[in-house]
Amino acid sequence: MKINFILIYISLFLFPEFVALSQTSFAKMALIASGEFSMGKNSDRNLDFSPAHRVIVDSFYIDKYEVTNAEYLKFCDETGNRLPEYWNMEIFRSGEKFPELPVIGITWIDAAKYADWSGKRLPTEAEWEYAARGGLKEKEYPNGDNWDRERKTNTPGNWVNQISEVKTFPPNAYGIYHMDGNVWEWINDNYSENYYQNSPVNNPKGPSTGTIKVIRSGSWHSGAMCKKVYYRKGLPGSWVDFGVGFRCAKDIK
């Protein structure tokens, strides 16, 4: 891992134009060096996040924050894409009055369109979990084994606040915010409850076909179990929900 970061540092030194690009386009992204980790968790009940299995991912960028209402509105203004469901509905804290809150009410398709428009893509499930773990091994949450509202996002016991602004709670060790709550996040991969049984080691990308997409992170109205770094669910790609948003990733080129 240390060698990977050294190589990336040398690349930045040798190619100053890459530094300039990083300071603009990538200013809100975390650079994640390639590495190996144990993905998922073993379960006697053969749950969809089992078994734990070895995965290697290449270096990539991932957004430090969920995509905000302000960012998504700019995309809609410039492309003519439809506004999200629940837009400007104050009960859901969505719309122009809440620029720094994560956008909700968008389908997987719209999330992918935004990612492409911004020169990025949706993260793979392996990338997302690797980034969420923040370099910690065999831990349940991005900041360790314990989860509490003071450290991270809203809970069912605090619904009055609902969704929080994207920088509200402390980041993990990689500088990434809200990877255990606030909103569920659309992932690029198709979902299969049995995928981990035969997942490839190198850069897994999920099943090649399917209409059900992976979501990760849990949301402000999810219990603590949903916020664990290995917990996963599937939703139809056409689904919209007041608890689902997304963040983007980008290849290192």
Foldseek 3Di string as FASTA:
>chain_A
DVVQVVVVVVVCVVDVVVVVCCVPLVVQKFKDAKDKAFAFDDDPVLWLRDDTDIATEHIWIWGLWFAWLQLVVVVCVVPVDDAAPCAPVVLLPHHDVNGQFHHFRDFLVSVQVSQVVSVFGFAALVVLLVVQCLPDHPAFGLAGPDDDCQAAPAELVPCVVQADGGPDHAGHNSSHHQQAERAKAWGQEADDSCCVVDADRYPGRYDPDDQKTKIARYYNHDDNNRRTSSHIDIDGRRDGDSRYGHITMHGDD
